[in-house]
Amino acid sequence: MTVAARDSVREDLIQALELGTVQTISVASSSAATGSAMASGSRVVRVVSTTDCHIIFAASPTATTSSTYLPANQVEYFKVPVPGTSKLAAIRANADGTLFVTEMA
């Protein structure tokens, strides 16, 4: 269950999400995907890669160099297209690395 976080001084709402399952993808010259779909309760994922890469969401995704570009070491948040079904795939732009995918609830 999500609980609203509040500022301790003015009691203003703070936008925050709970950390969930973390999956990693070995980013290389061939597309690779998360081992399992995002949980049905995960509406958002936090992603960060150690290398420049291209990413795509789908039930059976295959990333290409035409897929969405994600620069190295830049944290991004994405809406999960179909929770419970969607996976994330990645392919390198230049060098091998690791993509970290954190489900948020």
PDB file of N, CA and C in Angstrom:
ATOM      1  N   MET A   1       0.838  -1.176   0.000  1.00  0.00           N
ATOM      2  CA  MET A   1       0.000   0.000   0.000  1.00  0.00           C
ATOM      3  C   MET A   1       0.883   1.238   0.000  1.00  0.00           C
ATOM      4  N   THR A   2       0.577   2.202  -0.839  1.00  0.00           N
ATOM      5  CA  THR A   2       1.329   3.438  -0.911  1.00  0.00           C
ATOM      6  C   THR A   2       0.810   4.412   0.136  1.00  0.00           C
ATOM      7  N   VAL A   3       1.730   5.031   0.858  1.00  0.00           N
ATOM      8  CA  VAL A   3       1.379   6.031   1.860  1.00  0.00           C
ATOM      9  C   VAL A   3       2.031   7.337   1.447  1.00  0.00           C
ATOM     10  N   ALA A   4       1.277   8.432   1.515  1.00  0.00           N
ATOM     11  CA  ALA A   4       1.803   9.743   1.121  1.00  0.00           C
ATOM     12  C   ALA A   4       2.885  10.192   2.094  1.00  0.00           C
ATOM     13  N   ALA A   5       4.005  10.638   1.553  1.00  0.00           N
ATOM     14  CA  ALA A   5       5.082  11.204   2.373  1.00  0.00           C
ATOM     15  C   ALA A   5       4.806  12.697   2.532  1.00  0.00           C
ATOM     16  N   ARG A   6       5.068  13.219   3.717  1.00  0.00           N
ATOM     17  CA  ARG A   6       4.811  14.641   3.978  1.00  0.00           C
ATOM     18  C   ARG A   6       6.062  15.323   4.514  1.00  0.00           C
ATOM     19  N   ASP A   7       6.226  16.577   4.128  1.00  0.00           N
ATOM     20  CA  ASP A   7       7.306  17.422   4.628  1.00  0.00           C
ATOM     21  C   ASP A   7       7.123  17.580   6.138  1.00  0.00           C
ATOM     22  N   SER A   8       8.207  17.486   6.911  1.00  0.00           N
ATOM     23  CA  SER A   8       8.098  17.543   8.368  1.00  0.00           C
ATOM     24  C   SER A   8       7.827  18.941   8.909  1.00  0.00           C
ATOM     25  N   VAL A   9       8.018  19.973   8.107  1.00  0.00           N
ATOM     26  CA  VAL A   9       7.803  21.337   8.574  1.00  0.00           C
ATOM     27  C   VAL A   9       6.411  21.841   8.190  1.00  0.00           C
ATOM     28  N   ARG A  10       6.100  21.822   6.894  1.00  0.00           N
ATOM     29  CA  ARG A  10       4.833  22.389   6.421  1.00  0.00           C
ATOM     30  C   ARG A  10       3.779  21.341   6.122  1.00  0.00           C
ATOM     31  N   GLU A  11       4.126  20.080   6.252  1.00  0.00           N
ATOM     32  CA  GLU A  11       3.200  18.982   5.979  1.00  0.00           C
ATOM     33  C   GLU A  11       2.760  18.920   4.512  1.00  0.00           C
ATOM     34  N   ASP A  12       3.562  19.527   3.593  1.00  0.00           N
ATOM     35  CA  ASP A  12       3.273  19.430   2.169  1.00  0.00           C
ATOM     36  C   ASP A  12       3.537  18.009   1.708  1.00  0.00           C
ATOM     37  N   LEU A  13       2.752  17.565   0.719  1.00  0.00           N
ATOM     38  CA  LEU A  13       2.976  16.239   0.153  1.00  0.00           C
ATOM     39  C   LEU A  13       4.285  16.211  -0.622  1.00  0.00           C
ATOM     40  N   ILE A  14       5.017  15.106  -0.496  1.00  0.00           N
ATOM     41  CA  ILE A  14       6.255  14.886  -1.227  1.00  0.00           C
ATOM     42  C   ILE A  14       6.012  13.710  -2.154  1.00  0.00           C
ATOM     43  N   GLN A  15       6.287  13.909  -3.429  1.00  0.00           N
ATOM     44  CA  GLN A  15       6.106  12.808  -4.365  1.00  0.00           C
ATOM     45  C   GLN A  15       7.200  11.773  -4.118  1.00  0.00           C
ATOM     46  N   ALA A  16       6.797  10.577  -3.754  1.00  0.00           N
ATOM     47  CA  ALA A  16       7.764   9.514  -3.465  1.00  0.00           C
ATOM     48  C   ALA A  16       7.141   8.161  -3.786  1.00  0.00           C
ATOM     49  N   LEU A  17       7.980   7.229  -4.187  1.00  0.00           N
ATOM     50  CA  LEU A  17       7.542   5.868  -4.484  1.00  0.00           C
ATOM     51  C   LEU A  17       8.393   4.895  -3.680  1.00  0.00           C
ATOM     52  N   GLU A  18       7.815   3.772  -3.355  1.00  0.00           N
ATOM     53  CA  GLU A  18       8.526   2.737  -2.603  1.00  0.00           C
ATOM     54  C   GLU A  18       9.404   1.917  -3.542  1.00  0.00           C
ATOM     55  N   LEU A  19      10.633   1.618  -3.107  1.00  0.00           N
ATOM     56  CA  LEU A  19      11.536   0.770  -3.882  1.00  0.00           C
ATOM     57  C   LEU A  19      11.046  -0.664  -3.873  1.00  0.00           C
ATOM     58  N   GLY A  20      11.182  -1.333  -5.014  1.00  0.00           N
ATOM     59  CA  GLY A  20      10.756  -2.725  -5.126  1.00  0.00           C
ATOM     60  C   GLY A  20      11.869  -3.607  -5.657  1.00  0.00           C
ATOM     61  N   THR A  21      11.497  -4.614  -6.410  1.00  0.00           N
ATOM     62  CA  THR A  21      12.428  -5.585  -6.971  1.00  0.00           C
ATOM     63  C   THR A  21      13.418  -4.920  -7.923  1.00  0.00           C
ATOM     64  N   VAL A  22      14.677  -5.330  -7.847  1.00  0.00           N
ATOM     65  CA  VAL A  22      15.715  -4.831  -8.758  1.00  0.00           C
ATOM     66  C   VAL A  22      16.132  -5.973  -9.677  1.00  0.00           C
ATOM     67  N   GLN A  23      16.149  -5.684 -10.983  1.00  0.00           N
ATOM     68  CA  GLN A  23      16.660  -6.631 -11.972  1.00  0.00           C
ATOM     69  C   GLN A  23      17.816  -5.960 -12.709  1.00  0.00           C
ATOM     70  N   THR A  24      18.761  -6.747 -13.176  1.00  0.00           N
ATOM     71  CA  THR A  24      19.866  -6.201 -13.962  1.00  0.00           C
ATOM     72  C   THR A  24      19.871  -6.849 -15.340  1.00  0.00           C
ATOM     73  N   ILE A  25      20.352  -6.077 -16.298  1.00  0.00           N
ATOM     74  CA  ILE A  25      20.511  -6.567 -17.661  1.00  0.00           C
ATOM     75  C   ILE A  25      21.961  -6.350 -18.052  1.00  0.00           C
ATOM     76  N   SER A  26      22.607  -7.373 -18.576  1.00  0.00           N
ATOM     77  CA  SER A  26      23.954  -7.221 -19.129  1.00  0.00           C
ATOM     78  C   SER A  26      23.807  -6.588 -20.511  1.00  0.00           C
ATOM     79  N   VAL A  27      24.256  -5.355 -20.623  1.00  0.00           N
ATOM     80  CA  VAL A  27      24.115  -4.607 -21.869  1.00  0.00           C
ATOM     81  C   VAL A  27      25.320  -4.914 -22.752  1.00  0.00           C
ATOM     82  N   ALA A  28      25.056  -5.441 -23.946  1.00  0.00           N
ATOM     83  CA  ALA A  28      26.126  -5.837 -24.857  1.00  0.00           C
ATOM     84  C   ALA A  28      25.676  -5.592 -26.297  1.00  0.00           C
ATOM     85  N   SER A  29      26.358  -6.226 -27.243  1.00  0.00           N
ATOM     86  CA  SER A  29      26.087  -6.002 -28.660  1.00  0.00           C
ATOM     87  C   SER A  29      24.804  -6.668 -29.150  1.00  0.00           C
ATOM     88  N   SER A  30      24.237  -7.585 -28.357  1.00  0.00           N
ATOM     89  CA  SER A  30      22.957  -8.210 -28.673  1.00  0.00           C
ATOM     90  C   SER A  30      21.925  -7.784 -27.641  1.00  0.00           C
ATOM     91  N   SER A  31      20.679  -7.661 -28.058  1.00  0.00           N
ATOM     92  CA  SER A  31      19.609  -7.279 -27.140  1.00  0.00           C
ATOM     93  C   SER A  31      19.464  -8.316 -26.030  1.00  0.00           C
ATOM     94  N   ALA A  32      19.261  -7.829 -24.808  1.00  0.00           N
ATOM     95  CA  ALA A  32      19.004  -8.695 -23.652  1.00  0.00           C
ATOM     96  C   ALA A  32      17.881  -8.059 -22.846  1.00  0.00           C
ATOM     97  N   ALA A  33      17.052  -8.897 -22.215  1.00  0.00           N
ATOM     98  CA  ALA A  33      15.882  -8.407 -21.482  1.00  0.00           C
ATOM     99  C   ALA A  33      15.911  -8.829 -20.027  1.00  0.00           C
ATOM    100  N   THR A  34      15.044  -8.185 -19.236  1.00  0.00           N
ATOM    101  CA  THR A  34      14.872  -8.584 -17.845  1.00  0.00           C
ATOM    102  C   THR A  34      14.396 -10.034 -17.818  1.00  0.00           C
ATOM    103  N   GLY A  35      14.759 -10.753 -16.784  1.00  0.00           N
ATOM    104  CA  GLY A  35      14.404 -12.157 -16.688  1.00  0.00           C
ATOM    105  C   GLY A  35      12.923 -12.399 -16.480  1.00  0.00           C
ATOM    106  N   SER A  36      12.245 -11.430 -15.886  1.00  0.00           N
ATOM    107  CA  SER A  36      10.812 -11.576 -15.668  1.00  0.00           C
ATOM    108  C   SER A  36      10.108 -10.253 -15.925  1.00  0.00           C
ATOM    109  N   ALA A  37       8.807 -10.336 -16.129  1.00  0.00           N
ATOM    110  CA  ALA A  37       7.997  -9.135 -16.357  1.00  0.00           C
ATOM    111  C   ALA A  37       7.931  -8.309 -15.072  1.00  0.00           C
ATOM    112  N   MET A  38       7.654  -7.022 -15.227  1.00  0.00           N
ATOM    113  CA  MET A  38       7.466  -6.152 -14.068  1.00  0.00           C
ATOM    114  C   MET A  38       6.214  -6.629 -13.324  1.00  0.00           C
ATOM    115  N   ALA A  39       6.235  -6.566 -12.017  1.00  0.00           N
ATOM    116  CA  ALA A  39       5.110  -7.025 -11.200  1.00  0.00           C
ATOM    117  C   ALA A  39       3.836  -6.256 -11.540  1.00  0.00           C
ATOM    118  N   SER A  40       2.697  -6.880 -11.315  1.00  0.00           N
ATOM    119  CA  SER A  40       1.421  -6.240 -11.653  1.00  0.00           C
ATOM    120  C   SER A  40       1.186  -4.967 -10.847  1.00  0.00           C
ATOM    121  N   GLY A  41       1.833  -4.829  -9.696  1.00  0.00           N
ATOM    122  CA  GLY A  41       1.686  -3.625  -8.881  1.00  0.00           C
ATOM    123  C   GLY A  41       2.707  -2.546  -9.195  1.00  0.00           C
ATOM    124  N   SER A  42       3.627  -2.823 -10.098  1.00  0.00           N
ATOM    125  CA  SER A  42       4.671  -1.847 -10.441  1.00  0.00           C
ATOM    126  C   SER A  42       4.220  -1.007 -11.622  1.00  0.00           C
ATOM    127  N   ARG A  43       3.974   0.253 -11.371  1.00  0.00           N
ATOM    128  CA  ARG A  43       3.507   1.172 -12.411  1.00  0.00           C
ATOM    129  C   ARG A  43       4.650   2.002 -12.995  1.00  0.00           C
ATOM    130  N   VAL A  44       5.755   2.081 -12.255  1.00  0.00           N
ATOM    131  CA  VAL A  44       6.904   2.908 -12.646  1.00  0.00           C
ATOM    132  C   VAL A  44       8.176   2.110 -12.403  1.00  0.00           C
ATOM    133  N   VAL A  45       9.188   2.304 -13.264  1.00  0.00           N
ATOM    134  CA  VAL A  45      10.506   1.735 -13.025  1.00  0.00           C
ATOM    135  C   VAL A  45      11.544   2.846 -13.049  1.00  0.00           C
ATOM    136  N   ARG A  46      12.561   2.658 -12.230  1.00  0.00           N
ATOM    137  CA  ARG A  46      13.725   3.549 -12.202  1.00  0.00           C
ATOM    138  C   ARG A  46      14.830   2.793 -12.925  1.00  0.00           C
ATOM    139  N   VAL A  47      15.447   3.424 -13.929  1.00  0.00           N
ATOM    140  CA  VAL A  47      16.519   2.759 -14.666  1.00  0.00           C
ATOM    141  C   VAL A  47      17.768   3.631 -14.684  1.00  0.00           C
ATOM    142  N   VAL A  48      18.912   2.965 -14.625  1.00  0.00           N
ATOM    143  CA  VAL A  48      20.198   3.628 -14.767  1.00  0.00           C
ATOM    144  C   VAL A  48      21.171   2.602 -15.334  1.00  0.00           C
ATOM    145  N   SER A  49      22.000   3.042 -16.268  1.00  0.00           N
ATOM    146  CA  SER A  49      22.949   2.152 -16.933  1.00  0.00           C
ATOM    147  C   SER A  49      24.377   2.649 -16.739  1.00  0.00           C
ATOM    148  N   THR A  50      25.309   1.714 -16.705  1.00  0.00           N
ATOM    149  CA  THR A  50      26.717   2.083 -16.601  1.00  0.00           C
ATOM    150  C   THR A  50      27.308   2.440 -17.959  1.00  0.00           C
ATOM    151  N   THR A  51      26.509   2.270 -19.023  1.00  0.00           N
ATOM    152  CA  THR A  51      26.974   2.567 -20.376  1.00  0.00           C
ATOM    153  C   THR A  51      25.838   3.163 -21.194  1.00  0.00           C
ATOM    154  N   ASP A  52      26.158   3.917 -22.236  1.00  0.00           N
ATOM    155  CA  ASP A  52      25.133   4.414 -23.152  1.00  0.00           C
ATOM    156  C   ASP A  52      24.441   3.217 -23.787  1.00  0.00           C
ATOM    157  N   CYS A  53      23.108   3.248 -23.837  1.00  0.00           N
ATOM    158  CA  CYS A  53      22.381   2.112 -24.418  1.00  0.00           C
ATOM    159  C   CYS A  53      21.045   2.562 -24.995  1.00  0.00           C
ATOM    160  N   HIS A  54      20.351   1.616 -25.596  1.00  0.00           N
ATOM    161  CA  HIS A  54      19.016   1.833 -26.147  1.00  0.00           C
ATOM    162  C   HIS A  54      18.090   0.848 -25.449  1.00  0.00           C
ATOM    163  N   ILE A  55      16.878   1.304 -25.080  1.00  0.00           N
ATOM    164  CA  ILE A  55      15.954   0.454 -24.322  1.00  0.00           C
ATOM    165  C   ILE A  55      14.573   0.438 -24.962  1.00  0.00           C
ATOM    166  N   ILE A  56      13.821  -0.632 -24.657  1.00  0.00           N
ATOM    167  CA  ILE A  56      12.447  -0.748 -25.136  1.00  0.00           C
ATOM    168  C   ILE A  56      11.656  -1.657 -24.193  1.00  0.00           C
ATOM    169  N   PHE A  57      10.369  -1.318 -23.989  1.00  0.00           N
ATOM    170  CA  PHE A  57       9.445  -2.140 -23.214  1.00  0.00           C
ATOM    171  C   PHE A  57       8.555  -2.936 -24.158  1.00  0.00           C
ATOM    172  N   ALA A  58       8.246  -4.174 -23.808  1.00  0.00           N
ATOM    173  CA  ALA A  58       7.277  -5.007 -24.531  1.00  0.00           C
ATOM    174  C   ALA A  58       7.142  -6.323 -23.770  1.00  0.00           C
ATOM    175  N   ALA A  59       6.179  -7.140 -24.177  1.00  0.00           N
ATOM    176  CA  ALA A  59       6.021  -8.450 -23.554  1.00  0.00           C
ATOM    177  C   ALA A  59       7.207  -9.360 -23.893  1.00  0.00           C
ATOM    178  N   SER A  60       7.697  -9.256 -25.126  1.00  0.00           N
ATOM    179  CA  SER A  60       8.891  -9.980 -25.577  1.00  0.00           C
ATOM    180  C   SER A  60       9.774  -8.979 -26.324  1.00  0.00           C
ATOM    181  N   PRO A  61      10.461  -8.095 -25.582  1.00  0.00           N
ATOM    182  CA  PRO A  61      11.161  -6.986 -26.226  1.00  0.00           C
ATOM    183  C   PRO A  61      12.489  -7.371 -26.881  1.00  0.00           C
ATOM    184  N   THR A  62      12.795  -6.672 -27.969  1.00  0.00           N
ATOM    185  CA  THR A  62      14.106  -6.752 -28.607  1.00  0.00           C
ATOM    186  C   THR A  62      14.552  -5.324 -28.875  1.00  0.00           C
ATOM    187  N   ALA A  63      15.563  -4.890 -28.164  1.00  0.00           N
ATOM    188  CA  ALA A  63      16.077  -3.532 -28.342  1.00  0.00           C
ATOM    189  C   ALA A  63      16.955  -3.462 -29.586  1.00  0.00           C
ATOM    190  N   THR A  64      16.896  -2.322 -30.265  1.00  0.00           N
ATOM    191  CA  THR A  64      17.763  -2.047 -31.410  1.00  0.00           C
ATOM    192  C   THR A  64      18.357  -0.657 -31.213  1.00  0.00           C
ATOM    193  N   THR A  65      19.264  -0.284 -32.077  1.00  0.00           N
ATOM    194  CA  THR A  65      19.857   1.056 -31.974  1.00  0.00           C
ATOM    195  C   THR A  65      18.861   2.142 -32.381  1.00  0.00           C
ATOM    196  N   SER A  66      17.673   1.755 -32.824  1.00  0.00           N
ATOM    197  CA  SER A  66      16.600   2.711 -33.102  1.00  0.00           C
ATOM    198  C   SER A  66      15.676   2.885 -31.893  1.00  0.00           C
ATOM    199  N   SER A  67      15.866   2.070 -30.858  1.00  0.00           N
ATOM    200  CA  SER A  67      15.058   2.168 -29.638  1.00  0.00           C
ATOM    201  C   SER A  67      15.469   3.406 -28.846  1.00  0.00           C
ATOM    202  N   THR A  68      14.694   3.728 -27.821  1.00  0.00           N
ATOM    203  CA  THR A  68      14.949   4.905 -26.984  1.00  0.00           C
ATOM    204  C   THR A  68      16.367   4.900 -26.427  1.00  0.00           C
ATOM    205  N   TYR A  69      17.062   6.020 -26.597  1.00  0.00           N
ATOM    206  CA  TYR A  69      18.441   6.161 -26.126  1.00  0.00           C
ATOM    207  C   TYR A  69      18.460   6.528 -24.647  1.00  0.00           C
ATOM    208  N   LEU A  70      19.324   5.855 -23.885  1.00  0.00           N
ATOM    209  CA  LEU A  70      19.529   6.141 -22.469  1.00  0.00           C
ATOM    210  C   LEU A  70      21.019   6.387 -22.247  1.00  0.00           C
ATOM    211  N   PRO A  71      21.413   7.630 -21.910  1.00  0.00           N
ATOM    212  CA  PRO A  71      22.832   7.895 -21.673  1.00  0.00           C
ATOM    213  C   PRO A  71      23.318   7.248 -20.369  1.00  0.00           C
ATOM    214  N   ALA A  72      24.579   6.965 -20.315  1.00  0.00           N
ATOM    215  CA  ALA A  72      25.185   6.335 -19.134  1.00  0.00           C
ATOM    216  C   ALA A  72      25.041   7.217 -17.902  1.00  0.00           C
ATOM    217  N   ASN A  73      24.835   6.565 -16.772  1.00  0.00           N
ATOM    218  CA  ASN A  73      24.829   7.204 -15.456  1.00  0.00           C
ATOM    219  C   ASN A  73      23.761   8.284 -15.281  1.00  0.00           C
ATOM    220  N   GLN A  74      22.684   8.200 -16.043  1.00  0.00           N
ATOM    221  CA  GLN A  74      21.561   9.139 -15.924  1.00  0.00           C
ATOM    222  C   GLN A  74      20.345   8.360 -15.430  1.00  0.00           C
ATOM    223  N   VAL A  75      19.853   8.702 -14.253  1.00  0.00           N
ATOM    224  CA  VAL A  75      18.685   8.024 -13.704  1.00  0.00           C
ATOM    225  C   VAL A  75      17.430   8.542 -14.409  1.00  0.00           C
ATOM    226  N   GLU A  76      16.614   7.610 -14.877  1.00  0.00           N
ATOM    227  CA  GLU A  76      15.349   7.957 -15.538  1.00  0.00           C
ATOM    228  C   GLU A  76      14.232   7.115 -14.943  1.00  0.00           C
ATOM    229  N   TYR A  77      13.034   7.660 -14.970  1.00  0.00           N
ATOM    230  CA  TYR A  77      11.840   6.953 -14.508  1.00  0.00           C
ATOM    231  C   TYR A  77      10.899   6.786 -15.684  1.00  0.00           C
ATOM    232  N   PHE A  78      10.334   5.587 -15.837  1.00  0.00           N
ATOM    233  CA  PHE A  78       9.417   5.304 -16.930  1.00  0.00           C
ATOM    234  C   PHE A  78       8.158   4.637 -16.397  1.00  0.00           C
ATOM    235  N   LYS A  79       7.032   4.969 -17.001  1.00  0.00           N
ATOM    236  CA  LYS A  79       5.774   4.285 -16.719  1.00  0.00           C
ATOM    237  C   LYS A  79       5.855   2.901 -17.357  1.00  0.00           C
ATOM    238  N   VAL A  80       5.459   1.889 -16.616  1.00  0.00           N
ATOM    239  CA  VAL A  80       5.436   0.523 -17.150  1.00  0.00           C
ATOM    240  C   VAL A  80       4.202   0.413 -18.048  1.00  0.00           C
ATOM    241  N   PRO A  81       4.381   0.102 -19.343  1.00  0.00           N
ATOM    242  CA  PRO A  81       3.238   0.075 -20.257  1.00  0.00           C
ATOM    243  C   PRO A  81       2.114  -0.878 -19.844  1.00  0.00           C
ATOM    244  N   VAL A  82       2.457  -2.120 -19.505  1.00  0.00           N
ATOM    245  CA  VAL A  82       1.458  -3.105 -19.089  1.00  0.00           C
ATOM    246  C   VAL A  82       2.019  -3.860 -17.882  1.00  0.00           C
ATOM    247  N   PRO A  83       1.735  -3.372 -16.654  1.00  0.00           N
ATOM    248  CA  PRO A  83       2.240  -4.061 -15.470  1.00  0.00           C
ATOM    249  C   PRO A  83       1.825  -5.529 -15.468  1.00  0.00           C
ATOM    250  N   GLY A  84       2.752  -6.392 -15.066  1.00  0.00           N
ATOM    251  CA  GLY A  84       2.491  -7.819 -15.042  1.00  0.00           C
ATOM    252  C   GLY A  84       2.840  -8.525 -16.340  1.00  0.00           C
ATOM    253  N   THR A  85       3.053  -7.762 -17.416  1.00  0.00           N
ATOM    254  CA  THR A  85       3.360  -8.328 -18.729  1.00  0.00           C
ATOM    255  C   THR A  85       4.646  -7.762 -19.317  1.00  0.00           C
ATOM    256  N   SER A  86       4.886  -6.469 -19.120  1.00  0.00           N
ATOM    257  CA  SER A  86       6.016  -5.793 -19.758  1.00  0.00           C
ATOM    258  C   SER A  86       7.366  -6.196 -19.188  1.00  0.00           C
ATOM    259  N   LYS A  87       8.312  -6.380 -20.096  1.00  0.00           N
ATOM    260  CA  LYS A  87       9.724  -6.563 -19.762  1.00  0.00           C
ATOM    261  C   LYS A  87      10.473  -5.383 -20.369  1.00  0.00           C
ATOM    262  N   LEU A  88      11.726  -5.233 -20.003  1.00  0.00           N
ATOM    263  CA  LEU A  88      12.576  -4.178 -20.551  1.00  0.00           C
ATOM    264  C   LEU A  88      13.799  -4.831 -21.182  1.00  0.00           C
ATOM    265  N   ALA A  89      14.138  -4.396 -22.394  1.00  0.00           N
ATOM    266  CA  ALA A  89      15.328  -4.912 -23.078  1.00  0.00           C
ATOM    267  C   ALA A  89      16.276  -3.765 -23.368  1.00  0.00           C
ATOM    268  N   ALA A  90      17.550  -4.086 -23.510  1.00  0.00           N
ATOM    269  CA  ALA A  90      18.574  -3.077 -23.785  1.00  0.00           C
ATOM    270  C   ALA A  90      19.642  -3.634 -24.720  1.00  0.00           C
ATOM    271  N   ILE A  91      20.273  -2.721 -25.447  1.00  0.00           N
ATOM    272  CA  ILE A  91      21.419  -3.030 -26.298  1.00  0.00           C
ATOM    273  C   ILE A  91      22.393  -1.868 -26.177  1.00  0.00           C
ATOM    274  N   ARG A  92      23.670  -2.156 -26.224  1.00  0.00           N
ATOM    275  CA  ARG A  92      24.676  -1.105 -26.030  1.00  0.00           C
ATOM    276  C   ARG A  92      24.716  -0.137 -27.213  1.00  0.00           C
ATOM    277  N   ALA A  93      25.155   1.082 -26.924  1.00  0.00           N
ATOM    278  CA  ALA A  93      25.417   2.057 -27.978  1.00  0.00           C
ATOM    279  C   ALA A  93      26.882   1.961 -28.404  1.00  0.00           C
ATOM    280  N   ASN A  94      27.785   1.792 -27.427  1.00  0.00           N
ATOM    281  CA  ASN A  94      29.218   1.742 -27.725  1.00  0.00           C
ATOM    282  C   ASN A  94      29.965   0.636 -26.981  1.00  0.00           C
ATOM    283  N   ALA A  95      29.773   0.585 -25.672  1.00  0.00           N
ATOM    284  CA  ALA A  95      30.534  -0.351 -24.837  1.00  0.00           C
ATOM    285  C   ALA A  95      29.592  -1.180 -23.967  1.00  0.00           C
ATOM    286  N   ASP A  96      30.063  -2.334 -23.534  1.00  0.00           N
ATOM    287  CA  ASP A  96      29.273  -3.194 -22.655  1.00  0.00           C
ATOM    288  C   ASP A  96      29.101  -2.547 -21.284  1.00  0.00           C
ATOM    289  N   GLY A  97      28.051  -2.940 -20.575  1.00  0.00           N
ATOM    290  CA  GLY A  97      27.803  -2.421 -19.233  1.00  0.00           C
ATOM    291  C   GLY A  97      26.654  -3.148 -18.576  1.00  0.00           C
ATOM    292  N   THR A  98      26.076  -2.517 -17.571  1.00  0.00           N
ATOM    293  CA  THR A  98      24.963  -3.092 -16.826  1.00  0.00           C
ATOM    294  C   THR A  98      23.854  -2.064 -16.693  1.00  0.00           C
ATOM    295  N   LEU A  99      22.619  -2.515 -16.928  1.00  0.00           N
ATOM    296  CA  LEU A  99      21.435  -1.683 -16.730  1.00  0.00           C
ATOM    297  C   LEU A  99      20.733  -2.170 -15.478  1.00  0.00           C
ATOM    298  N   PHE A 100      20.434  -1.259 -14.570  1.00  0.00           N
ATOM    299  CA  PHE A 100      19.738  -1.577 -13.335  1.00  0.00           C
ATOM    300  C   PHE A 100      18.298  -1.099 -13.448  1.00  0.00           C
ATOM    301  N   VAL A 101      17.357  -2.003 -13.203  1.00  0.00           N
ATOM    302  CA  VAL A 101      15.927  -1.713 -13.330  1.00  0.00           C
ATOM    303  C   VAL A 101      15.284  -1.933 -11.965  1.00  0.00           C
ATOM    304  N   THR A 102      14.777  -0.860 -11.356  1.00  0.00           N
ATOM    305  CA  THR A 102      14.145  -0.949 -10.045  1.00  0.00           C
ATOM    306  C   THR A 102      12.655  -0.689 -10.193  1.00  0.00           C
ATOM    307  N   GLU A 103      11.848  -1.661  -9.801  1.00  0.00           N
ATOM    308  CA  GLU A 103      10.401  -1.481  -9.838  1.00  0.00           C
ATOM    309  C   GLU A 103       9.988  -0.567  -8.684  1.00  0.00           C
ATOM    310  N   MET A 104       9.053   0.321  -8.961  1.00  0.00           N
ATOM    311  CA  MET A 104       8.586   1.279  -7.956  1.00  0.00           C
ATOM    312  C   MET A 104       7.091   1.101  -7.747  1.00  0.00           C
ATOM    313  N   ALA A 105       6.653   1.247  -6.506  1.00  0.00           N
ATOM    314  CA  ALA A 105       5.225   1.125  -6.207  1.00  0.00           C
ATOM    315  C   ALA A 105       4.799   2.243  -5.279  1.00  0.00           C
TER     316      ALA A 105
END
